[in-house]
Structures are given as C-alpha cells and as structure tokens.
Amino acid sequence: MSVILFALAVLPTEFVLLSPSRCIFRQYILPLIFQNQCPSAGIFSDCLCPACGITRATSRLLHGDLDGALAYNWLAIPVVIGMIALAVINIFRLRKH
C-alpha cells in the first residue's frame, strides 16, 4: 500500500487522469472474490460503483487538491487516512523489532 501511495503522490495527477480507464474494483477485486463470476453488472447497473474514482481522488488528495478529490469520490479521504495509518503502524512495528 505504501508503494501505491508513493506512486500516486509522485505521478502527476494528469498522468492518472489520462491513463486507460480500468476500474480495479470491477476488473480485479470482484472477479477475484466471486471466482470470475463478477456480479457488478447487476449490482451497479445504471449507477456508479462505490469505488469509482477513488484512484483519481486519491491522486488529487495527495497533491493537495481536496475539492478535486471530493469531486471524484469522497471515500478517498478515509481510504488515504487508513492507508497512512497502516503504514505508520507497520513502521513502528519494524522499528520495535
């Protein structure tokens, strides 16, 4: 997770915006959980999936653009806070050993 945060913080936001649109949630996570029987077409038909835009929002947030992050997906804020908290906890655990 630290690598993801670092990459999104270093890469310009425009790079993330122009990259090919591949929803990680729909393309990889749901099929992994449901053994390639992804139910997202039925669950999220005619609406956005709850994870839609989190990568772009995280990139904006890590570059200091809170309004841009909120425009993509407000869930990026707790995701980033959780990822940073886990990174800090792991650093303290490594230093302890």
PDB file of N, CA and C in Angstrom:
ATOM      1  N   MET A   1       0.817  -1.186   0.000  1.00  0.00           N
ATOM      2  CA  MET A   1       0.000   0.000   0.000  1.00  0.00           C
ATOM      3  C   MET A   1       0.864   1.255   0.000  1.00  0.00           C
ATOM      4  N   SER A   2       1.998   1.169   0.650  1.00  0.00           N
ATOM      5  CA  SER A   2       2.895   2.326   0.678  1.00  0.00           C
ATOM      6  C   SER A   2       3.380   2.669  -0.719  1.00  0.00           C
ATOM      7  N   VAL A   3       3.622   1.653  -1.526  1.00  0.00           N
ATOM      8  CA  VAL A   3       4.077   1.878  -2.903  1.00  0.00           C
ATOM      9  C   VAL A   3       2.983   2.583  -3.701  1.00  0.00           C
ATOM     10  N   ILE A   4       1.743   2.187  -3.496  1.00  0.00           N
ATOM     11  CA  ILE A   4       0.629   2.828  -4.204  1.00  0.00           C
ATOM     12  C   ILE A   4       0.533   4.296  -3.811  1.00  0.00           C
ATOM     13  N   LEU A   5       0.597   4.575  -2.500  1.00  0.00           N
ATOM     14  CA  LEU A   5       0.550   5.962  -2.050  1.00  0.00           C
ATOM     15  C   LEU A   5       1.703   6.772  -2.619  1.00  0.00           C
ATOM     16  N   PHE A   6       2.907   6.192  -2.587  1.00  0.00           N
ATOM     17  CA  PHE A   6       4.090   6.889  -3.112  1.00  0.00           C
ATOM     18  C   PHE A   6       3.920   7.175  -4.608  1.00  0.00           C
ATOM     19  N   ALA A   7       3.475   6.173  -5.360  1.00  0.00           N
ATOM     20  CA  ALA A   7       3.310   6.353  -6.809  1.00  0.00           C
ATOM     21  C   ALA A   7       2.275   7.432  -7.107  1.00  0.00           C
ATOM     22  N   LEU A   8       1.162   7.422  -6.397  1.00  0.00           N
ATOM     23  CA  LEU A   8       0.126   8.429  -6.641  1.00  0.00           C
ATOM     24  C   LEU A   8       0.567   9.816  -6.195  1.00  0.00           C
ATOM     25  N   ALA A   9       1.442   9.875  -5.191  1.00  0.00           N
ATOM     26  CA  ALA A   9       1.950  11.173  -4.742  1.00  0.00           C
ATOM     27  C   ALA A   9       2.997  11.728  -5.702  1.00  0.00           C
ATOM     28  N   VAL A  10       3.773  10.852  -6.334  1.00  0.00           N
ATOM     29  CA  VAL A  10       4.854  11.286  -7.224  1.00  0.00           C
ATOM     30  C   VAL A  10       4.347  11.555  -8.640  1.00  0.00           C
ATOM     31  N   LEU A  11       3.504  10.673  -9.150  1.00  0.00           N
ATOM     32  CA  LEU A  11       2.999  10.856 -10.515  1.00  0.00           C
ATOM     33  C   LEU A  11       2.099  12.080 -10.596  1.00  0.00           C
ATOM     34  N   PRO A  12       2.220  12.853 -11.653  1.00  0.00           N
ATOM     35  CA  PRO A  12       1.309  13.991 -11.809  1.00  0.00           C
ATOM     36  C   PRO A  12      -0.139  13.508 -11.946  1.00  0.00           C
ATOM     37  N   THR A  13      -1.050  14.291 -11.429  1.00  0.00           N
ATOM     38  CA  THR A  13      -2.464  13.938 -11.489  1.00  0.00           C
ATOM     39  C   THR A  13      -2.926  13.752 -12.923  1.00  0.00           C
ATOM     40  N   GLU A  14      -2.384  14.530 -13.847  1.00  0.00           N
ATOM     41  CA  GLU A  14      -2.774  14.412 -15.255  1.00  0.00           C
ATOM     42  C   GLU A  14      -2.446  13.029 -15.814  1.00  0.00           C
ATOM     43  N   PHE A  15      -1.354  12.413 -15.333  1.00  0.00           N
ATOM     44  CA  PHE A  15      -0.988  11.070 -15.782  1.00  0.00           C
ATOM     45  C   PHE A  15      -2.078  10.074 -15.395  1.00  0.00           C
ATOM     46  N   VAL A  16      -2.581  10.203 -14.176  1.00  0.00           N
ATOM     47  CA  VAL A  16      -3.630   9.297 -13.704  1.00  0.00           C
ATOM     48  C   VAL A  16      -4.923   9.547 -14.477  1.00  0.00           C
ATOM     49  N   LEU A  17      -5.205  10.816 -14.771  1.00  0.00           N
ATOM     50  CA  LEU A  17      -6.431  11.144 -15.495  1.00  0.00           C
ATOM     51  C   LEU A  17      -6.401  10.644 -16.927  1.00  0.00           C
ATOM     52  N   LEU A  18      -5.212  10.633 -17.546  1.00  0.00           N
ATOM     53  CA  LEU A  18      -5.096  10.230 -18.945  1.00  0.00           C
ATOM     54  C   LEU A  18      -4.823   8.740 -19.132  1.00  0.00           C
ATOM     55  N   SER A  19      -4.558   8.038 -18.027  1.00  0.00           N
ATOM     56  CA  SER A  19      -4.269   6.606 -18.147  1.00  0.00           C
ATOM     57  C   SER A  19      -5.537   5.870 -18.573  1.00  0.00           C
ATOM     58  N   PRO A  20      -5.357   4.705 -19.174  1.00  0.00           N
ATOM     59  CA  PRO A  20      -6.544   3.938 -19.616  1.00  0.00           C
ATOM     60  C   PRO A  20      -7.475   3.657 -18.431  1.00  0.00           C
ATOM     61  N   SER A  21      -8.727   3.842 -18.644  1.00  0.00           N
ATOM     62  CA  SER A  21      -9.708   3.663 -17.579  1.00  0.00           C
ATOM     63  C   SER A  21      -9.949   2.184 -17.325  1.00  0.00           C
ATOM     64  N   ARG A  22      -9.440   1.708 -16.234  1.00  0.00           N
ATOM     65  CA  ARG A  22      -9.664   0.330 -15.808  1.00  0.00           C
ATOM     66  C   ARG A  22     -10.080   0.377 -14.355  1.00  0.00           C
ATOM     67  N   CYS A  23     -11.288   0.035 -14.087  1.00  0.00           N
ATOM     68  CA  CYS A  23     -11.777   0.032 -12.713  1.00  0.00           C
ATOM     69  C   CYS A  23     -11.190  -1.185 -11.992  1.00  0.00           C
ATOM     70  N   ILE A  24     -10.342  -0.925 -11.018  1.00  0.00           N
ATOM     71  CA  ILE A  24      -9.708  -2.007 -10.269  1.00  0.00           C
ATOM     72  C   ILE A  24     -10.762  -2.834  -9.542  1.00  0.00           C
ATOM     73  N   PHE A  25     -11.755  -2.147  -8.983  1.00  0.00           N
ATOM     74  CA  PHE A  25     -12.814  -2.840  -8.247  1.00  0.00           C
ATOM     75  C   PHE A  25     -13.570  -3.805  -9.153  1.00  0.00           C
ATOM     76  N   ARG A  26     -14.004  -3.310 -10.297  1.00  0.00           N
ATOM     77  CA  ARG A  26     -14.814  -4.120 -11.203  1.00  0.00           C
ATOM     78  C   ARG A  26     -13.975  -5.134 -11.985  1.00  0.00           C
ATOM     79  N   GLN A  27     -12.757  -4.769 -12.373  1.00  0.00           N
ATOM     80  CA  GLN A  27     -11.930  -5.637 -13.205  1.00  0.00           C
ATOM     81  C   GLN A  27     -11.195  -6.724 -12.422  1.00  0.00           C
ATOM     82  N   TYR A  28     -10.816  -6.428 -11.172  1.00  0.00           N
ATOM     83  CA  TYR A  28      -9.949  -7.371 -10.463  1.00  0.00           C
ATOM     84  C   TYR A  28     -10.510  -7.868  -9.128  1.00  0.00           C
ATOM     85  N   ILE A  29     -11.019  -6.972  -8.281  1.00  0.00           N
ATOM     86  CA  ILE A  29     -11.408  -7.367  -6.930  1.00  0.00           C
ATOM     87  C   ILE A  29     -12.670  -8.227  -6.917  1.00  0.00           C
ATOM     88  N   LEU A  30     -13.753  -7.752  -7.542  1.00  0.00           N
ATOM     89  CA  LEU A  30     -14.982  -8.555  -7.554  1.00  0.00           C
ATOM     90  C   LEU A  30     -14.809  -9.901  -8.249  1.00  0.00           C
ATOM     91  N   PRO A  31     -14.151  -9.955  -9.416  1.00  0.00           N
ATOM     92  CA  PRO A  31     -13.953 -11.281 -10.023  1.00  0.00           C
ATOM     93  C   PRO A  31     -13.115 -12.220  -9.155  1.00  0.00           C
ATOM     94  N   LEU A  32     -12.157 -11.666  -8.407  1.00  0.00           N
ATOM     95  CA  LEU A  32     -11.341 -12.496  -7.517  1.00  0.00           C
ATOM     96  C   LEU A  32     -12.198 -13.074  -6.391  1.00  0.00           C
ATOM     97  N   ILE A  33     -13.036 -12.243  -5.824  1.00  0.00           N
ATOM     98  CA  ILE A  33     -13.897 -12.694  -4.720  1.00  0.00           C
ATOM     99  C   ILE A  33     -14.939 -13.695  -5.201  1.00  0.00           C
ATOM    100  N   PHE A  34     -15.516 -13.436  -6.364  1.00  0.00           N
ATOM    101  CA  PHE A  34     -16.603 -14.272  -6.858  1.00  0.00           C
ATOM    102  C   PHE A  34     -16.154 -15.270  -7.923  1.00  0.00           C
ATOM    103  N   GLN A  35     -14.878 -15.632  -7.959  1.00  0.00           N
ATOM    104  CA  GLN A  35     -14.322 -16.622  -8.885  1.00  0.00           C
ATOM    105  C   GLN A  35     -14.761 -16.385 -10.325  1.00  0.00           C
ATOM    106  N   ASN A  36     -14.427 -15.216 -10.836  1.00  0.00           N
ATOM    107  CA  ASN A  36     -14.687 -14.816 -12.220  1.00  0.00           C
ATOM    108  C   ASN A  36     -16.170 -14.751 -12.592  1.00  0.00           C
ATOM    109  N   GLN A  37     -17.039 -14.735 -11.616  1.00  0.00           N
ATOM    110  CA  GLN A  37     -18.471 -14.546 -11.853  1.00  0.00           C
ATOM    111  C   GLN A  37     -18.852 -13.178 -11.286  1.00  0.00           C
ATOM    112  N   CYS A  38     -18.269 -12.133 -11.823  1.00  0.00           N
ATOM    113  CA  CYS A  38     -18.429 -10.787 -11.290  1.00  0.00           C
ATOM    114  C   CYS A  38     -19.885 -10.333 -11.351  1.00  0.00           C
ATOM    115  N   PRO A  39     -20.489 -10.038 -10.211  1.00  0.00           N
ATOM    116  CA  PRO A  39     -21.898  -9.615 -10.189  1.00  0.00           C
ATOM    117  C   PRO A  39     -22.073  -8.115 -10.388  1.00  0.00           C
ATOM    118  N   SER A  40     -21.009  -7.402 -10.713  1.00  0.00           N
ATOM    119  CA  SER A  40     -21.092  -5.941 -10.747  1.00  0.00           C
ATOM    120  C   SER A  40     -22.061  -5.419 -11.800  1.00  0.00           C
ATOM    121  N   ALA A  41     -22.273  -6.154 -12.876  1.00  0.00           N
ATOM    122  CA  ALA A  41     -23.207  -5.685 -13.907  1.00  0.00           C
ATOM    123  C   ALA A  41     -24.619  -5.591 -13.345  1.00  0.00           C
ATOM    124  N   GLY A  42     -25.010  -6.534 -12.515  1.00  0.00           N
ATOM    125  CA  GLY A  42     -26.342  -6.496 -11.927  1.00  0.00           C
ATOM    126  C   GLY A  42     -26.430  -5.555 -10.741  1.00  0.00           C
ATOM    127  N   ILE A  43     -25.388  -5.530  -9.917  1.00  0.00           N
ATOM    128  CA  ILE A  43     -25.404  -4.699  -8.719  1.00  0.00           C
ATOM    129  C   ILE A  43     -25.354  -3.215  -9.074  1.00  0.00           C
ATOM    130  N   PHE A  44     -24.465  -2.861  -9.996  1.00  0.00           N
ATOM    131  CA  PHE A  44     -24.230  -1.456 -10.288  1.00  0.00           C
ATOM    132  C   PHE A  44     -24.759  -1.023 -11.644  1.00  0.00           C
ATOM    133  N   SER A  45     -25.786  -1.702 -12.147  1.00  0.00           N
ATOM    134  CA  SER A  45     -26.327  -1.276 -13.433  1.00  0.00           C
ATOM    135  C   SER A  45     -27.026   0.074 -13.267  1.00  0.00           C
ATOM    136  N   ASP A  46     -26.792   0.952 -14.202  1.00  0.00           N
ATOM    137  CA  ASP A  46     -27.355   2.300 -14.209  1.00  0.00           C
ATOM    138  C   ASP A  46     -26.884   3.178 -13.054  1.00  0.00           C
ATOM    139  N   CYS A  47     -25.812   2.800 -12.373  1.00  0.00           N
ATOM    140  CA  CYS A  47     -25.244   3.669 -11.344  1.00  0.00           C
ATOM    141  C   CYS A  47     -23.758   3.353 -11.214  1.00  0.00           C
ATOM    142  N   LEU A  48     -23.042   4.248 -10.583  1.00  0.00           N
ATOM    143  CA  LEU A  48     -21.608   4.056 -10.408  1.00  0.00           C
ATOM    144  C   LEU A  48     -21.326   3.128  -9.246  1.00  0.00           C
ATOM    145  N   CYS A  49     -20.285   2.366  -9.381  1.00  0.00           N
ATOM    146  CA  CYS A  49     -19.830   1.510  -8.301  1.00  0.00           C
ATOM    147  C   CYS A  49     -19.275   2.406  -7.193  1.00  0.00           C
ATOM    148  N   PRO A  50     -19.355   2.006  -5.919  1.00  0.00           N
ATOM    149  CA  PRO A  50     -18.905   2.868  -4.825  1.00  0.00           C
ATOM    150  C   PRO A  50     -17.413   3.196  -4.874  1.00  0.00           C
ATOM    151  N   ALA A  51     -16.624   2.385  -5.536  1.00  0.00           N
ATOM    152  CA  ALA A  51     -15.182   2.630  -5.606  1.00  0.00           C
ATOM    153  C   ALA A  51     -14.799   3.471  -6.822  1.00  0.00           C
ATOM    154  N   CYS A  52     -15.756   3.815  -7.659  1.00  0.00           N
ATOM    155  CA  CYS A  52     -15.460   4.547  -8.882  1.00  0.00           C
ATOM    156  C   CYS A  52     -14.816   5.896  -8.573  1.00  0.00           C
ATOM    157  N   GLY A  53     -13.640   6.123  -9.117  1.00  0.00           N
ATOM    158  CA  GLY A  53     -12.946   7.393  -8.969  1.00  0.00           C
ATOM    159  C   GLY A  53     -12.012   7.484  -7.784  1.00  0.00           C
ATOM    160  N   ILE A  54     -11.864   6.418  -7.006  1.00  0.00           N
ATOM    161  CA  ILE A  54     -11.016   6.502  -5.817  1.00  0.00           C
ATOM    162  C   ILE A  54      -9.548   6.709  -6.195  1.00  0.00           C
ATOM    163  N   THR A  55      -9.062   6.081  -7.253  1.00  0.00           N
ATOM    164  CA  THR A  55      -7.665   6.272  -7.649  1.00  0.00           C
ATOM    165  C   THR A  55      -7.419   7.718  -8.041  1.00  0.00           C
ATOM    166  N   ARG A  56      -8.293   8.279  -8.849  1.00  0.00           N
ATOM    167  CA  ARG A  56      -8.141   9.676  -9.262  1.00  0.00           C
ATOM    168  C   ARG A  56      -8.307  10.611  -8.067  1.00  0.00           C
ATOM    169  N   ALA A  57      -9.261  10.310  -7.186  1.00  0.00           N
ATOM    170  CA  ALA A  57      -9.476  11.140  -6.000  1.00  0.00           C
ATOM    171  C   ALA A  57      -8.275  11.075  -5.063  1.00  0.00           C
ATOM    172  N   THR A  58      -7.693   9.887  -4.900  1.00  0.00           N
ATOM    173  CA  THR A  58      -6.512   9.739  -4.054  1.00  0.00           C
ATOM    174  C   THR A  58      -5.343  10.531  -4.615  1.00  0.00           C
ATOM    175  N   SER A  59      -5.171  10.466  -5.923  1.00  0.00           N
ATOM    176  CA  SER A  59      -4.101  11.237  -6.555  1.00  0.00           C
ATOM    177  C   SER A  59      -4.298  12.731  -6.301  1.00  0.00           C
ATOM    178  N   ARG A  60      -5.505  13.208  -6.492  1.00  0.00           N
ATOM    179  CA  ARG A  60      -5.796  14.628  -6.248  1.00  0.00           C
ATOM    180  C   ARG A  60      -5.557  14.991  -4.786  1.00  0.00           C
ATOM    181  N   LEU A  61      -5.994  14.129  -3.878  1.00  0.00           N
ATOM    182  CA  LEU A  61      -5.840  14.382  -2.453  1.00  0.00           C
ATOM    183  C   LEU A  61      -4.367  14.451  -2.057  1.00  0.00           C
ATOM    184  N   LEU A  62      -3.567  13.521  -2.574  1.00  0.00           N
ATOM    185  CA  LEU A  62      -2.142  13.512  -2.246  1.00  0.00           C
ATOM    186  C   LEU A  62      -1.389  14.690  -2.861  1.00  0.00           C
ATOM    187  N   HIS A  63      -1.983  15.335  -3.850  1.00  0.00           N
ATOM    188  CA  HIS A  63      -1.383  16.535  -4.435  1.00  0.00           C
ATOM    189  C   HIS A  63      -1.980  17.810  -3.824  1.00  0.00           C
ATOM    190  N   GLY A  64      -2.794  17.662  -2.784  1.00  0.00           N
ATOM    191  CA  GLY A  64      -3.326  18.806  -2.063  1.00  0.00           C
ATOM    192  C   GLY A  64      -4.596  19.410  -2.630  1.00  0.00           C
ATOM    193  N   ASP A  65      -5.244  18.732  -3.563  1.00  0.00           N
ATOM    194  CA  ASP A  65      -6.465  19.247  -4.182  1.00  0.00           C
ATOM    195  C   ASP A  65      -7.683  18.576  -3.549  1.00  0.00           C
ATOM    196  N   LEU A  66      -8.112  19.091  -2.404  1.00  0.00           N
ATOM    197  CA  LEU A  66      -9.232  18.493  -1.683  1.00  0.00           C
ATOM    198  C   LEU A  66     -10.528  18.598  -2.472  1.00  0.00           C
ATOM    199  N   ASP A  67     -10.785  19.743  -3.090  1.00  0.00           N
ATOM    200  CA  ASP A  67     -12.011  19.903  -3.878  1.00  0.00           C
ATOM    201  C   ASP A  67     -12.054  18.924  -5.049  1.00  0.00           C
ATOM    202  N   GLY A  68     -10.921  18.743  -5.730  1.00  0.00           N
ATOM    203  CA  GLY A  68     -10.855  17.787  -6.835  1.00  0.00           C
ATOM    204  C   GLY A  68     -11.075  16.365  -6.365  1.00  0.00           C
ATOM    205  N   ALA A  69     -10.518  16.039  -5.204  1.00  0.00           N
ATOM    206  CA  ALA A  69     -10.696  14.695  -4.643  1.00  0.00           C
ATOM    207  C   ALA A  69     -12.157  14.442  -4.305  1.00  0.00           C
ATOM    208  N   LEU A  70     -12.793  15.424  -3.689  1.00  0.00           N
ATOM    209  CA  LEU A  70     -14.203  15.273  -3.323  1.00  0.00           C
ATOM    210  C   LEU A  70     -15.095  15.172  -4.552  1.00  0.00           C
ATOM    211  N   ALA A  71     -14.693  15.821  -5.637  1.00  0.00           N
ATOM    212  CA  ALA A  71     -15.479  15.753  -6.875  1.00  0.00           C
ATOM    213  C   ALA A  71     -15.457  14.350  -7.472  1.00  0.00           C
ATOM    214  N   TYR A  72     -14.348  13.624  -7.295  1.00  0.00           N
ATOM    215  CA  TYR A  72     -14.269  12.263  -7.838  1.00  0.00           C
ATOM    216  C   TYR A  72     -14.925  11.245  -6.917  1.00  0.00           C
ATOM    217  N   ASN A  73     -14.521  11.216  -5.645  1.00  0.00           N
ATOM    218  CA  ASN A  73     -15.104  10.256  -4.711  1.00  0.00           C
ATOM    219  C   ASN A  73     -14.665  10.628  -3.304  1.00  0.00           C
ATOM    220  N   TRP A  74     -15.621  10.953  -2.448  1.00  0.00           N
ATOM    221  CA  TRP A  74     -15.293  11.362  -1.085  1.00  0.00           C
ATOM    222  C   TRP A  74     -14.727  10.212  -0.252  1.00  0.00           C
ATOM    223  N   LEU A  75     -14.942   8.980  -0.684  1.00  0.00           N
ATOM    224  CA  LEU A  75     -14.413   7.832   0.055  1.00  0.00           C
ATOM    225  C   LEU A  75     -12.890   7.751   0.018  1.00  0.00           C
ATOM    226  N   ALA A  76     -12.263   8.527  -0.851  1.00  0.00           N
ATOM    227  CA  ALA A  76     -10.795   8.537  -0.906  1.00  0.00           C
ATOM    228  C   ALA A  76     -10.200   9.059   0.396  1.00  0.00           C
ATOM    229  N   ILE A  77     -10.903   9.945   1.071  1.00  0.00           N
ATOM    230  CA  ILE A  77     -10.368  10.514   2.318  1.00  0.00           C
ATOM    231  C   ILE A  77     -10.190   9.432   3.388  1.00  0.00           C
ATOM    232  N   PRO A  78     -11.219   8.631   3.721  1.00  0.00           N
ATOM    233  CA  PRO A  78     -10.972   7.574   4.710  1.00  0.00           C
ATOM    234  C   PRO A  78     -10.013   6.502   4.201  1.00  0.00           C
ATOM    235  N   VAL A  79     -10.001   6.253   2.899  1.00  0.00           N
ATOM    236  CA  VAL A  79      -9.062   5.267   2.344  1.00  0.00           C
ATOM    237  C   VAL A  79      -7.623   5.733   2.550  1.00  0.00           C
ATOM    238  N   VAL A  80      -7.339   6.999   2.241  1.00  0.00           N
ATOM    239  CA  VAL A  80      -5.981   7.533   2.407  1.00  0.00           C
ATOM    240  C   VAL A  80      -5.595   7.563   3.879  1.00  0.00           C
ATOM    241  N   ILE A  81      -6.513   7.993   4.734  1.00  0.00           N
ATOM    242  CA  ILE A  81      -6.228   8.009   6.177  1.00  0.00           C
ATOM    243  C   ILE A  81      -5.908   6.600   6.673  1.00  0.00           C
ATOM    244  N   GLY A  82      -6.687   5.619   6.246  1.00  0.00           N
ATOM    245  CA  GLY A  82      -6.431   4.232   6.638  1.00  0.00           C
ATOM    246  C   GLY A  82      -5.100   3.716   6.124  1.00  0.00           C
ATOM    247  N   MET A  83      -4.778   4.037   4.872  1.00  0.00           N
ATOM    248  CA  MET A  83      -3.513   3.577   4.298  1.00  0.00           C
ATOM    249  C   MET A  83      -2.319   4.212   5.021  1.00  0.00           C
ATOM    250  N   ILE A  84      -2.419   5.496   5.330  1.00  0.00           N
ATOM    251  CA  ILE A  84      -1.334   6.162   6.052  1.00  0.00           C
ATOM    252  C   ILE A  84      -1.215   5.600   7.465  1.00  0.00           C
ATOM    253  N   ALA A  85      -2.344   5.364   8.128  1.00  0.00           N
ATOM    254  CA  ALA A  85      -2.314   4.787   9.474  1.00  0.00           C
ATOM    255  C   ALA A  85      -1.663   3.409   9.465  1.00  0.00           C
ATOM    256  N   LEU A  86      -2.009   2.579   8.488  1.00  0.00           N
ATOM    257  CA  LEU A  86      -1.385   1.252   8.398  1.00  0.00           C
ATOM    258  C   LEU A  86       0.111   1.347   8.131  1.00  0.00           C
ATOM    259  N   ALA A  87       0.517   2.283   7.297  1.00  0.00           N
ATOM    260  CA  ALA A  87       1.943   2.462   7.018  1.00  0.00           C
ATOM    261  C   ALA A  87       2.686   2.890   8.286  1.00  0.00           C
ATOM    262  N   VAL A  88       2.113   3.818   9.050  1.00  0.00           N
ATOM    263  CA  VAL A  88       2.745   4.278  10.289  1.00  0.00           C
ATOM    264  C   VAL A  88       2.824   3.145  11.300  1.00  0.00           C
ATOM    265  N   ILE A  89       1.746   2.386  11.451  1.00  0.00           N
ATOM    266  CA  ILE A  89       1.748   1.242  12.380  1.00  0.00           C
ATOM    267  C   ILE A  89       2.822   0.243  11.990  1.00  0.00           C
ATOM    268  N   ASN A  90       2.935  -0.048  10.704  1.00  0.00           N
ATOM    269  CA  ASN A  90       3.957  -1.007  10.254  1.00  0.00           C
ATOM    270  C   ASN A  90       5.369  -0.477  10.475  1.00  0.00           C
ATOM    271  N   ILE A  91       5.572   0.818  10.294  1.00  0.00           N
ATOM    272  CA  ILE A  91       6.898   1.405  10.554  1.00  0.00           C
ATOM    273  C   ILE A  91       7.261   1.254  12.026  1.00  0.00           C
ATOM    274  N   PHE A  92       6.313   1.542  12.927  1.00  0.00           N
ATOM    275  CA  PHE A  92       6.578   1.376  14.354  1.00  0.00           C
ATOM    276  C   PHE A  92       6.852  -0.075  14.713  1.00  0.00           C
ATOM    277  N   ARG A  93       6.136  -0.996  14.100  1.00  0.00           N
ATOM    278  CA  ARG A  93       6.376  -2.427  14.367  1.00  0.00           C
ATOM    279  C   ARG A  93       7.751  -2.849  13.880  1.00  0.00           C
ATOM    280  N   LEU A  94       8.168  -2.350  12.714  1.00  0.00           N
ATOM    281  CA  LEU A  94       9.506  -2.676  12.208  1.00  0.00           C
ATOM    282  C   LEU A  94      10.606  -2.096  13.100  1.00  0.00           C
ATOM    283  N   ARG A  95      10.396  -0.889  13.588  1.00  0.00           N
ATOM    284  CA  ARG A  95      11.398  -0.251  14.449  1.00  0.00           C
ATOM    285  C   ARG A  95      11.492  -0.957  15.780  1.00  0.00           C
ATOM    286  N   LYS A  96      10.380  -1.528  16.241  1.00  0.00           N
ATOM    287  CA  LYS A  96      10.341  -2.225  17.520  1.00  0.00           C
ATOM    288  C   LYS A  96      11.177  -3.511  17.486  1.00  0.00           C
ATOM    289  N   HIS A  97      11.177  -4.158  16.334  1.00  0.00           N
ATOM    290  CA  HIS A  97      11.918  -5.417  16.200  1.00  0.00           C
ATOM    291  C   HIS A  97      13.303  -5.080  15.855  1.00  0.00           C
TER     292      HIS A  97
END
